[in-house]
């Protein structure tokens, strides 16, 4: 299994910024799977389903949900088994628990972590 630990969340005022980190660990197979495949950030607000917010393909191309385009940037450091989410110009509607995962065959492959809470005040 690919174990994933998210960190970097917190309480921030509207218009502020945060950088989230996602560290992967596990067997050599798991680490290789993380390094070689697509990765993504998701978020989930209370009572709502998890939604995809940012995606980075194995080749480095990225895509974002319309709600965060121009404000969020996903990046990776495969040598450190880590993926990042830089969040700027935060809005109250960005408030959620943020999760990361690795995708294989279009589906989340790693174990879901506890996520990291992002709270944006008006």
C-alpha atoms as a PDB file:
ATOM      1  CA  UNK A   1       0.000   0.000   0.000  1.00  0.00           C
ATOM      2  CA  UNK A   2       0.983   3.613  -0.571  1.00  0.00           C
ATOM      3  CA  UNK A   3       0.691   5.431   2.740  1.00  0.00           C
ATOM      4  CA  UNK A   4      -0.052   9.150   2.428  1.00  0.00           C
ATOM      5  CA  UNK A   5       0.264  11.899   5.033  1.00  0.00           C
ATOM      6  CA  UNK A   6      -1.063  15.390   4.320  1.00  0.00           C
ATOM      7  CA  UNK A   7       0.147  18.456   6.205  1.00  0.00           C
ATOM      8  CA  UNK A   8       0.264  22.243   6.019  1.00  0.00           C
ATOM      9  CA  UNK A   9      -3.364  23.153   6.602  1.00  0.00           C
ATOM     10  CA  UNK A  10      -4.555  25.762   9.036  1.00  0.00           C
ATOM     11  CA  UNK A  11      -6.710  28.812   9.624  1.00  0.00           C
ATOM     12  CA  UNK A  12      -6.212  31.691   7.205  1.00  0.00           C
ATOM     13  CA  UNK A  13      -8.068  34.874   6.306  1.00  0.00           C
ATOM     14  CA  UNK A  14      -9.686  35.310   2.912  1.00  0.00           C
ATOM     15  CA  UNK A  15      -7.074  36.359   0.371  1.00  0.00           C
ATOM     16  CA  UNK A  16      -4.303  34.537   2.186  1.00  0.00           C
ATOM     17  CA  UNK A  17      -2.116  31.643   1.093  1.00  0.00           C
ATOM     18  CA  UNK A  18      -1.176  28.161   2.259  1.00  0.00           C
ATOM     19  CA  UNK A  19       1.069  25.415   0.921  1.00  0.00           C
ATOM     20  CA  UNK A  20      -0.011  21.826   1.519  1.00  0.00           C
ATOM     21  CA  UNK A  21       2.354  18.849   1.422  1.00  0.00           C
ATOM     22  CA  UNK A  22       1.656  15.176   0.819  1.00  0.00           C
ATOM     23  CA  UNK A  23       4.348  12.684   1.779  1.00  0.00           C
ATOM     24  CA  UNK A  24       4.227   9.111   0.489  1.00  0.00           C
ATOM     25  CA  UNK A  25       5.751   6.081   2.142  1.00  0.00           C
ATOM     26  CA  UNK A  26       5.574   2.296   2.024  1.00  0.00           C
ATOM     27  CA  UNK A  27       7.306  -0.505   0.203  1.00  0.00           C
ATOM     28  CA  UNK A  28       9.651   0.014  -2.714  1.00  0.00           C
ATOM     29  CA  UNK A  29       6.777  -1.018  -4.982  1.00  0.00           C
ATOM     30  CA  UNK A  30       4.528   1.585  -3.376  1.00  0.00           C
ATOM     31  CA  UNK A  31       7.095   4.368  -3.644  1.00  0.00           C
ATOM     32  CA  UNK A  32       7.765   3.514  -7.284  1.00  0.00           C
ATOM     33  CA  UNK A  33       4.029   3.540  -7.992  1.00  0.00           C
ATOM     34  CA  UNK A  34       3.777   6.987  -6.421  1.00  0.00           C
ATOM     35  CA  UNK A  35       6.716   8.342  -8.410  1.00  0.00           C
ATOM     36  CA  UNK A  36       5.654   6.947 -11.787  1.00  0.00           C
ATOM     37  CA  UNK A  37       1.931   7.692 -11.850  1.00  0.00           C
ATOM     38  CA  UNK A  38      -0.522  10.583 -11.871  1.00  0.00           C
ATOM     39  CA  UNK A  39      -1.182  12.372  -8.578  1.00  0.00           C
ATOM     40  CA  UNK A  40      -4.009  14.565  -7.378  1.00  0.00           C
ATOM     41  CA  UNK A  41      -5.383  16.695  -4.576  1.00  0.00           C
ATOM     42  CA  UNK A  42      -8.987  16.390  -3.424  1.00  0.00           C
ATOM     43  CA  UNK A  43     -11.095  18.196  -0.859  1.00  0.00           C
ATOM     44  CA  UNK A  44     -14.177  17.357   1.142  1.00  0.00           C
ATOM     45  CA  UNK A  45     -16.433  19.735   3.039  1.00  0.00           C
ATOM     46  CA  UNK A  46     -18.671  18.473   5.881  1.00  0.00           C
ATOM     47  CA  UNK A  47     -21.639  16.518   4.547  1.00  0.00           C
ATOM     48  CA  UNK A  48     -20.367  16.635   0.966  1.00  0.00           C
ATOM     49  CA  UNK A  49     -18.568  14.167  -1.265  1.00  0.00           C
ATOM     50  CA  UNK A  50     -14.882  14.375  -2.021  1.00  0.00           C
ATOM     51  CA  UNK A  51     -14.053  16.419  -5.136  1.00  0.00           C
ATOM     52  CA  UNK A  52     -10.964  16.626  -7.323  1.00  0.00           C
ATOM     53  CA  UNK A  53      -9.304  20.044  -7.253  1.00  0.00           C
ATOM     54  CA  UNK A  54      -5.868  19.570  -8.859  1.00  0.00           C
ATOM     55  CA  UNK A  55      -4.152  16.917 -10.967  1.00  0.00           C
ATOM     56  CA  UNK A  56      -0.596  16.337 -12.158  1.00  0.00           C
ATOM     57  CA  UNK A  57       0.134  13.674 -14.761  1.00  0.00           C
ATOM     58  CA  UNK A  58       3.203  11.470 -14.694  1.00  0.00           C
ATOM     59  CA  UNK A  59       4.688  13.586 -17.489  1.00  0.00           C
ATOM     60  CA  UNK A  60       4.159  16.807 -15.544  1.00  0.00           C
ATOM     61  CA  UNK A  61       1.073  18.307 -17.169  1.00  0.00           C
ATOM     62  CA  UNK A  62      -1.530  19.726 -14.788  1.00  0.00           C
ATOM     63  CA  UNK A  63      -5.240  20.378 -14.633  1.00  0.00           C
ATOM     64  CA  UNK A  64      -7.507  22.095 -12.115  1.00  0.00           C
ATOM     65  CA  UNK A  65     -11.117  22.392 -11.146  1.00  0.00           C
ATOM     66  CA  UNK A  66     -12.650  25.565 -12.556  1.00  0.00           C
ATOM     67  CA  UNK A  67     -13.220  26.867  -9.039  1.00  0.00           C
ATOM     68  CA  UNK A  68      -9.473  26.990  -8.287  1.00  0.00           C
ATOM     69  CA  UNK A  69      -7.902  27.784 -11.672  1.00  0.00           C
ATOM     70  CA  UNK A  70      -5.503  30.679 -11.451  1.00  0.00           C
ATOM     71  CA  UNK A  71      -5.272  30.384  -7.669  1.00  0.00           C
ATOM     72  CA  UNK A  72      -3.904  26.879  -6.942  1.00  0.00           C
ATOM     73  CA  UNK A  73      -0.746  25.207  -8.260  1.00  0.00           C
ATOM     74  CA  UNK A  74       0.079  21.508  -7.941  1.00  0.00           C
ATOM     75  CA  UNK A  75       3.707  20.388  -8.091  1.00  0.00           C
ATOM     76  CA  UNK A  76       5.827  17.404  -7.168  1.00  0.00           C
ATOM     77  CA  UNK A  77       9.264  16.375  -5.992  1.00  0.00           C
ATOM     78  CA  UNK A  78       9.510  12.700  -6.838  1.00  0.00           C
ATOM     79  CA  UNK A  79      12.978  12.434  -5.302  1.00  0.00           C
ATOM     80  CA  UNK A  80      11.380  13.341  -1.964  1.00  0.00           C
ATOM     81  CA  UNK A  81       8.190  11.322  -2.558  1.00  0.00           C
ATOM     82  CA  UNK A  82       6.139  14.462  -2.090  1.00  0.00           C
ATOM     83  CA  UNK A  83       3.419  16.397  -3.897  1.00  0.00           C
ATOM     84  CA  UNK A  84       2.485  19.990  -3.044  1.00  0.00           C
ATOM     85  CA  UNK A  85      -0.499  22.267  -3.430  1.00  0.00           C
ATOM     86  CA  UNK A  86       0.192  26.004  -3.379  1.00  0.00           C
ATOM     87  CA  UNK A  87      -3.044  27.836  -2.624  1.00  0.00           C
ATOM     88  CA  UNK A  88      -3.310  31.594  -3.145  1.00  0.00           C
ATOM     89  CA  UNK A  89      -6.178  34.084  -2.925  1.00  0.00           C
ATOM     90  CA  UNK A  90      -8.080  31.731  -0.658  1.00  0.00           C
ATOM     91  CA  UNK A  91     -11.838  32.082  -0.338  1.00  0.00           C
ATOM     92  CA  UNK A  92     -14.221  30.892   2.395  1.00  0.00           C
ATOM     93  CA  UNK A  93     -15.622  28.324  -0.041  1.00  0.00           C
ATOM     94  CA  UNK A  94     -12.177  26.677  -0.128  1.00  0.00           C
ATOM     95  CA  UNK A  95     -12.756  25.525   3.457  1.00  0.00           C
ATOM     96  CA  UNK A  96     -12.494  21.728   3.512  1.00  0.00           C
ATOM     97  CA  UNK A  97     -10.319  18.794   4.459  1.00  0.00           C
ATOM     98  CA  UNK A  98      -7.724  18.315   1.726  1.00  0.00           C
ATOM     99  CA  UNK A  99      -6.451  14.883   0.671  1.00  0.00           C
ATOM    100  CA  UNK A 100      -3.896  13.617  -1.827  1.00  0.00           C
ATOM    101  CA  UNK A 101      -3.607  10.353  -3.711  1.00  0.00           C
ATOM    102  CA  UNK A 102      -1.867   8.567  -6.565  1.00  0.00           C
ATOM    103  CA  UNK A 103      -3.964   7.451  -9.527  1.00  0.00           C
ATOM    104  CA  UNK A 104      -3.548   4.204 -11.439  1.00  0.00           C
ATOM    105  CA  UNK A 105      -5.975   3.421 -14.222  1.00  0.00           C
ATOM    106  CA  UNK A 106      -7.852   6.594 -13.354  1.00  0.00           C
ATOM    107  CA  UNK A 107      -8.634   5.440  -9.818  1.00  0.00           C
ATOM    108  CA  UNK A 108      -7.132   6.362  -6.459  1.00  0.00           C
ATOM    109  CA  UNK A 109      -4.583   3.707  -5.540  1.00  0.00           C
ATOM    110  CA  UNK A 110      -3.069   4.796  -2.252  1.00  0.00           C
ATOM    111  CA  UNK A 111      -4.632   4.544   1.161  1.00  0.00           C
ATOM    112  CA  UNK A 112      -6.641   7.640   2.056  1.00  0.00           C
ATOM    113  CA  UNK A 113      -4.936   9.575   4.818  1.00  0.00           C
ATOM    114  CA  UNK A 114      -6.490  11.757   7.483  1.00  0.00           C
ATOM    115  CA  UNK A 115      -6.218  14.833   5.283  1.00  0.00           C
ATOM    116  CA  UNK A 116      -5.343  18.326   6.438  1.00  0.00           C
ATOM    117  CA  UNK A 117      -7.938  20.905   7.455  1.00  0.00           C
ATOM    118  CA  UNK A 118      -8.019  24.239   5.636  1.00  0.00           C
ATOM    119  CA  UNK A 119     -10.297  26.890   7.114  1.00  0.00           C
ATOM    120  CA  UNK A 120     -10.680  30.264   5.402  1.00  0.00           C
ATOM    121  CA  UNK A 121     -12.404  33.029   7.339  1.00  0.00           C
ATOM    122  CA  UNK A 122     -14.223  35.930   5.712  1.00  0.00           C
END
